[in-house]
Amino acid sequence: MSETRDERQEAAGHLGRDLTLYVLARFALVAVVAALLTLVKVPLLVALAVGIVAGLPLGLLLLRGLNARVTAGLAVRNERRARERAKLRAQLRGEEPAQS
C-alpha cells in the first residue's frame, strides 16, 4: 500500500460521493437482473429475490474499482478517528497532546 498522503486525503474527501454511487450502482444491478428475469416471465418477487442474491457476487466483480475507492475512504476516515480518539484519551488522562 504505497499511497501518498494526498491520495489518502482525496479518497477521504470523496467518500460521500463514492459511497452514494456504489449504493446506487448496487441497486441498479439488482434492478437490471430482476428486469431481465421478468422479461422471461419470472414472477416479480422471485425475480427480485434472485436479483438480490445474484447482485452480491456480481457487484463485487463488476464494481471492484468503486468498492476499492469506498474502502480506501473508509480506512482514511477510521484512521483519522482513531488519532482523534487517542488524542482525547491523552487529554482526559492529563497528558499534553503531541503536536502533529
N, C-alpha and C. Protein backbone atom coordinates (compact mmCIF):
# COMPACT_ATOMS: atom_id res chain seq x y z
N MET A 1 0.85 -1.18 0.00
CA MET A 1 0.00 0.00 0.00
C MET A 1 0.89 1.23 0.00
N SER A 2 1.23 1.72 -1.15
CA SER A 2 2.16 2.82 -1.27
C SER A 2 1.44 4.11 -1.68
N GLU A 3 0.33 4.39 -1.05
CA GLU A 3 -0.39 5.62 -1.34
C GLU A 3 0.27 6.79 -0.64
N THR A 4 0.26 7.94 -1.30
CA THR A 4 0.78 9.13 -0.65
C THR A 4 -0.31 9.73 0.23
N ARG A 5 0.10 10.67 1.04
CA ARG A 5 -0.86 11.30 1.95
C ARG A 5 -1.93 12.05 1.16
N ASP A 6 -1.55 12.70 0.05
CA ASP A 6 -2.51 13.43 -0.77
C ASP A 6 -3.57 12.49 -1.36
N GLU A 7 -3.13 11.30 -1.80
CA GLU A 7 -4.08 10.34 -2.36
C GLU A 7 -5.06 9.87 -1.29
N ARG A 8 -4.57 9.66 -0.08
CA ARG A 8 -5.46 9.23 1.01
C ARG A 8 -6.43 10.34 1.38
N GLN A 9 -5.96 11.60 1.40
CA GLN A 9 -6.85 12.72 1.71
C GLN A 9 -7.92 12.85 0.64
N GLU A 10 -7.53 12.65 -0.62
CA GLU A 10 -8.50 12.74 -1.71
C GLU A 10 -9.54 11.63 -1.60
N ALA A 11 -9.10 10.44 -1.21
CA ALA A 11 -10.03 9.32 -1.04
C ALA A 11 -11.03 9.63 0.06
N ALA A 12 -10.58 10.23 1.13
CA ALA A 12 -11.49 10.57 2.21
C ALA A 12 -12.40 11.73 1.83
N GLY A 13 -11.92 12.64 1.01
CA GLY A 13 -12.70 13.79 0.61
C GLY A 13 -13.89 13.45 -0.27
N HIS A 14 -13.80 12.36 -1.00
CA HIS A 14 -14.87 11.96 -1.90
C HIS A 14 -15.65 10.75 -1.39
N LEU A 15 -15.53 10.46 -0.12
CA LEU A 15 -16.16 9.26 0.43
C LEU A 15 -17.67 9.30 0.28
N GLY A 16 -18.29 10.41 0.58
CA GLY A 16 -19.75 10.50 0.47
C GLY A 16 -20.24 10.28 -0.95
N ARG A 17 -19.56 10.89 -1.90
CA ARG A 17 -19.92 10.73 -3.31
C ARG A 17 -19.72 9.28 -3.76
N ASP A 18 -18.56 8.71 -3.42
CA ASP A 18 -18.26 7.34 -3.83
C ASP A 18 -19.21 6.34 -3.20
N LEU A 19 -19.54 6.54 -1.94
CA LEU A 19 -20.46 5.63 -1.25
C LEU A 19 -21.85 5.71 -1.87
N THR A 20 -22.30 6.90 -2.19
CA THR A 20 -23.61 7.07 -2.83
C THR A 20 -23.64 6.40 -4.20
N LEU A 21 -22.59 6.60 -4.99
CA LEU A 21 -22.51 5.96 -6.31
C LEU A 21 -22.50 4.44 -6.19
N TYR A 22 -21.79 3.92 -5.20
CA TYR A 22 -21.69 2.48 -5.01
C TYR A 22 -23.06 1.89 -4.65
N VAL A 23 -23.76 2.54 -3.74
CA VAL A 23 -25.08 2.04 -3.33
C VAL A 23 -26.05 2.10 -4.50
N LEU A 24 -26.05 3.20 -5.24
CA LEU A 24 -26.94 3.32 -6.39
C LEU A 24 -26.60 2.29 -7.47
N ALA A 25 -25.32 2.04 -7.67
CA ALA A 25 -24.92 1.04 -8.67
C ALA A 25 -25.36 -0.35 -8.24
N ARG A 26 -25.28 -0.65 -6.94
CA ARG A 26 -25.74 -1.96 -6.47
C ARG A 26 -27.25 -2.11 -6.67
N PHE A 27 -28.02 -1.06 -6.36
CA PHE A 27 -29.47 -1.10 -6.59
C PHE A 27 -29.78 -1.28 -8.08
N ALA A 28 -29.04 -0.57 -8.93
CA ALA A 28 -29.26 -0.67 -10.37
C ALA A 28 -28.95 -2.09 -10.86
N LEU A 29 -27.93 -2.69 -10.31
CA LEU A 29 -27.58 -4.06 -10.70
C LEU A 29 -28.69 -5.03 -10.34
N VAL A 30 -29.24 -4.89 -9.15
CA VAL A 30 -30.38 -5.74 -8.73
C VAL A 30 -31.57 -5.49 -9.65
N ALA A 31 -31.82 -4.24 -9.98
CA ALA A 31 -32.96 -3.91 -10.85
C ALA A 31 -32.78 -4.49 -12.25
N VAL A 32 -31.57 -4.46 -12.78
CA VAL A 32 -31.33 -4.99 -14.12
C VAL A 32 -31.54 -6.51 -14.13
N VAL A 33 -30.99 -7.19 -13.13
CA VAL A 33 -31.18 -8.65 -13.06
C VAL A 33 -32.66 -8.99 -12.93
N ALA A 34 -33.36 -8.27 -12.06
CA ALA A 34 -34.79 -8.53 -11.87
C ALA A 34 -35.58 -8.22 -13.15
N ALA A 35 -35.23 -7.15 -13.85
CA ALA A 35 -35.93 -6.80 -15.09
C ALA A 35 -35.71 -7.86 -16.17
N LEU A 36 -34.49 -8.35 -16.26
CA LEU A 36 -34.22 -9.40 -17.24
C LEU A 36 -35.02 -10.67 -16.93
N LEU A 37 -35.12 -11.00 -15.66
CA LEU A 37 -35.88 -12.18 -15.29
C LEU A 37 -37.38 -12.00 -15.51
N THR A 38 -37.89 -10.80 -15.29
CA THR A 38 -39.32 -10.57 -15.54
C THR A 38 -39.64 -10.61 -17.03
N LEU A 39 -38.65 -10.28 -17.87
CA LEU A 39 -38.87 -10.38 -19.32
C LEU A 39 -39.07 -11.82 -19.78
N VAL A 40 -38.52 -12.75 -19.04
CA VAL A 40 -38.70 -14.16 -19.39
C VAL A 40 -39.79 -14.79 -18.52
N LYS A 41 -40.72 -13.95 -18.06
CA LYS A 41 -41.94 -14.37 -17.35
C LYS A 41 -41.70 -15.00 -15.97
N VAL A 42 -40.64 -14.58 -15.29
CA VAL A 42 -40.44 -14.98 -13.89
C VAL A 42 -41.25 -14.01 -13.03
N PRO A 43 -41.98 -14.49 -12.02
CA PRO A 43 -42.75 -13.59 -11.15
C PRO A 43 -41.84 -12.52 -10.51
N LEU A 44 -42.42 -11.36 -10.29
CA LEU A 44 -41.64 -10.20 -9.84
C LEU A 44 -40.93 -10.46 -8.51
N LEU A 45 -41.62 -11.02 -7.52
CA LEU A 45 -40.98 -11.24 -6.22
C LEU A 45 -39.84 -12.24 -6.33
N VAL A 46 -40.03 -13.26 -7.13
CA VAL A 46 -38.96 -14.24 -7.35
C VAL A 46 -37.79 -13.57 -8.08
N ALA A 47 -38.09 -12.74 -9.06
CA ALA A 47 -37.05 -12.03 -9.81
C ALA A 47 -36.26 -11.10 -8.90
N LEU A 48 -36.96 -10.41 -7.99
CA LEU A 48 -36.27 -9.53 -7.05
C LEU A 48 -35.38 -10.33 -6.10
N ALA A 49 -35.88 -11.46 -5.62
CA ALA A 49 -35.09 -12.29 -4.71
C ALA A 49 -33.83 -12.81 -5.42
N VAL A 50 -34.00 -13.29 -6.63
CA VAL A 50 -32.84 -13.77 -7.40
C VAL A 50 -31.91 -12.60 -7.72
N GLY A 51 -32.47 -11.45 -8.02
CA GLY A 51 -31.65 -10.27 -8.30
C GLY A 51 -30.80 -9.86 -7.11
N ILE A 52 -31.36 -9.94 -5.93
CA ILE A 52 -30.59 -9.60 -4.72
C ILE A 52 -29.48 -10.61 -4.50
N VAL A 53 -29.81 -11.89 -4.63
CA VAL A 53 -28.80 -12.93 -4.40
C VAL A 53 -27.72 -12.89 -5.49
N ALA A 54 -28.11 -12.71 -6.72
CA ALA A 54 -27.14 -12.66 -7.82
C ALA A 54 -26.37 -11.35 -7.83
N GLY A 55 -26.98 -10.30 -7.30
CA GLY A 55 -26.33 -8.99 -7.29
C GLY A 55 -25.14 -8.91 -6.35
N LEU A 56 -25.11 -9.74 -5.32
CA LEU A 56 -23.98 -9.70 -4.39
C LEU A 56 -22.66 -10.06 -5.06
N PRO A 57 -22.53 -11.24 -5.66
CA PRO A 57 -21.25 -11.53 -6.30
C PRO A 57 -20.99 -10.70 -7.56
N LEU A 58 -22.06 -10.39 -8.30
CA LEU A 58 -21.87 -9.56 -9.49
C LEU A 58 -21.38 -8.16 -9.13
N GLY A 59 -21.91 -7.61 -8.04
CA GLY A 59 -21.47 -6.29 -7.59
C GLY A 59 -20.01 -6.29 -7.18
N LEU A 60 -19.58 -7.35 -6.50
CA LEU A 60 -18.17 -7.43 -6.12
C LEU A 60 -17.27 -7.53 -7.34
N LEU A 61 -17.74 -8.20 -8.36
CA LEU A 61 -16.95 -8.38 -9.57
C LEU A 61 -16.98 -7.13 -10.47
N LEU A 62 -18.16 -6.62 -10.73
CA LEU A 62 -18.31 -5.52 -11.68
C LEU A 62 -17.97 -4.15 -11.10
N LEU A 63 -18.12 -3.98 -9.80
CA LEU A 63 -17.90 -2.67 -9.17
C LEU A 63 -16.62 -2.66 -8.33
N ARG A 64 -15.62 -3.42 -8.76
CA ARG A 64 -14.39 -3.58 -7.99
C ARG A 64 -13.68 -2.24 -7.75
N GLY A 65 -13.57 -1.41 -8.76
CA GLY A 65 -12.87 -0.13 -8.61
C GLY A 65 -13.58 0.81 -7.66
N LEU A 66 -14.88 0.90 -7.78
CA LEU A 66 -15.65 1.77 -6.89
C LEU A 66 -15.61 1.25 -5.46
N ASN A 67 -15.66 -0.07 -5.32
CA ASN A 67 -15.56 -0.67 -3.99
C ASN A 67 -14.21 -0.36 -3.36
N ALA A 68 -13.14 -0.39 -4.14
CA ALA A 68 -11.81 -0.08 -3.62
C ALA A 68 -11.72 1.37 -3.17
N ARG A 69 -12.35 2.29 -3.92
CA ARG A 69 -12.33 3.70 -3.52
C ARG A 69 -13.09 3.91 -2.22
N VAL A 70 -14.25 3.25 -2.07
CA VAL A 70 -15.03 3.38 -0.85
C VAL A 70 -14.25 2.81 0.34
N THR A 71 -13.62 1.66 0.13
CA THR A 71 -12.85 1.04 1.20
C THR A 71 -11.67 1.93 1.61
N ALA A 72 -10.98 2.53 0.65
CA ALA A 72 -9.86 3.42 0.96
C ALA A 72 -10.34 4.65 1.73
N GLY A 73 -11.46 5.21 1.32
CA GLY A 73 -12.00 6.37 2.02
C GLY A 73 -12.40 6.05 3.45
N LEU A 74 -13.00 4.87 3.65
CA LEU A 74 -13.37 4.45 5.00
C LEU A 74 -12.14 4.21 5.86
N ALA A 75 -11.09 3.67 5.27
CA ALA A 75 -9.85 3.42 6.03
C ALA A 75 -9.23 4.73 6.49
N VAL A 76 -9.22 5.72 5.61
CA VAL A 76 -8.67 7.03 5.98
C VAL A 76 -9.50 7.66 7.09
N ARG A 77 -10.81 7.58 6.95
CA ARG A 77 -11.69 8.15 7.98
C ARG A 77 -11.50 7.45 9.32
N ASN A 78 -11.40 6.14 9.31
CA ASN A 78 -11.20 5.40 10.55
C ASN A 78 -9.85 5.71 11.18
N GLU A 79 -8.83 5.88 10.35
CA GLU A 79 -7.50 6.25 10.85
C GLU A 79 -7.55 7.61 11.55
N ARG A 80 -8.22 8.56 10.93
CA ARG A 80 -8.34 9.90 11.50
C ARG A 80 -9.11 9.86 12.82
N ARG A 81 -10.19 9.08 12.86
CA ARG A 81 -10.98 8.97 14.08
C ARG A 81 -10.19 8.32 15.20
N ALA A 82 -9.35 7.34 14.87
CA ALA A 82 -8.52 6.68 15.89
C ALA A 82 -7.51 7.66 16.47
N ARG A 83 -6.91 8.51 15.61
CA ARG A 83 -5.97 9.52 16.11
C ARG A 83 -6.68 10.52 17.02
N GLU A 84 -7.87 10.96 16.62
CA GLU A 84 -8.61 11.91 17.45
C GLU A 84 -9.02 11.29 18.79
N ARG A 85 -9.41 10.02 18.75
CA ARG A 85 -9.79 9.32 19.97
C ARG A 85 -8.58 9.17 20.91
N ALA A 86 -7.41 8.85 20.36
CA ALA A 86 -6.20 8.72 21.17
C ALA A 86 -5.82 10.07 21.78
N LYS A 87 -5.97 11.14 21.00
CA LYS A 87 -5.67 12.48 21.49
C LYS A 87 -6.61 12.85 22.64
N LEU A 88 -7.90 12.54 22.47
CA LEU A 88 -8.87 12.84 23.53
C LEU A 88 -8.58 12.05 24.79
N ARG A 89 -8.23 10.77 24.64
CA ARG A 89 -7.90 9.96 25.82
C ARG A 89 -6.67 10.49 26.54
N ALA A 90 -5.68 10.96 25.77
CA ALA A 90 -4.49 11.54 26.38
C ALA A 90 -4.85 12.81 27.15
N GLN A 91 -5.74 13.60 26.60
CA GLN A 91 -6.17 14.82 27.29
C GLN A 91 -6.93 14.48 28.56
N LEU A 92 -7.75 13.45 28.52
CA LEU A 92 -8.51 13.04 29.70
C LEU A 92 -7.59 12.50 30.79
N ARG A 93 -6.47 11.91 30.42
CA ARG A 93 -5.50 11.43 31.41
C ARG A 93 -4.65 12.57 31.93
N GLY A 94 -4.75 13.75 31.33
CA GLY A 94 -3.99 14.91 31.77
C GLY A 94 -2.65 15.05 31.09
N GLU A 95 -2.41 14.30 30.05
CA GLU A 95 -1.15 14.40 29.32
C GLU A 95 -1.24 15.53 28.30
N GLU A 96 -0.08 16.05 27.95
CA GLU A 96 -0.03 17.07 26.92
C GLU A 96 -0.21 16.39 25.56
N PRO A 97 -1.06 16.93 24.69
CA PRO A 97 -1.22 16.32 23.36
C PRO A 97 0.04 16.51 22.53
N ALA A 98 0.39 15.49 21.80
CA ALA A 98 1.56 15.56 20.92
C ALA A 98 1.21 16.44 19.72
N GLN A 99 2.17 17.24 19.30
CA GLN A 99 1.98 18.11 18.14
C GLN A 99 2.14 17.28 16.87
N SER A 100 1.18 17.37 15.94
CA SER A 100 1.30 16.63 14.68
C SER A 100 1.26 17.52 13.50
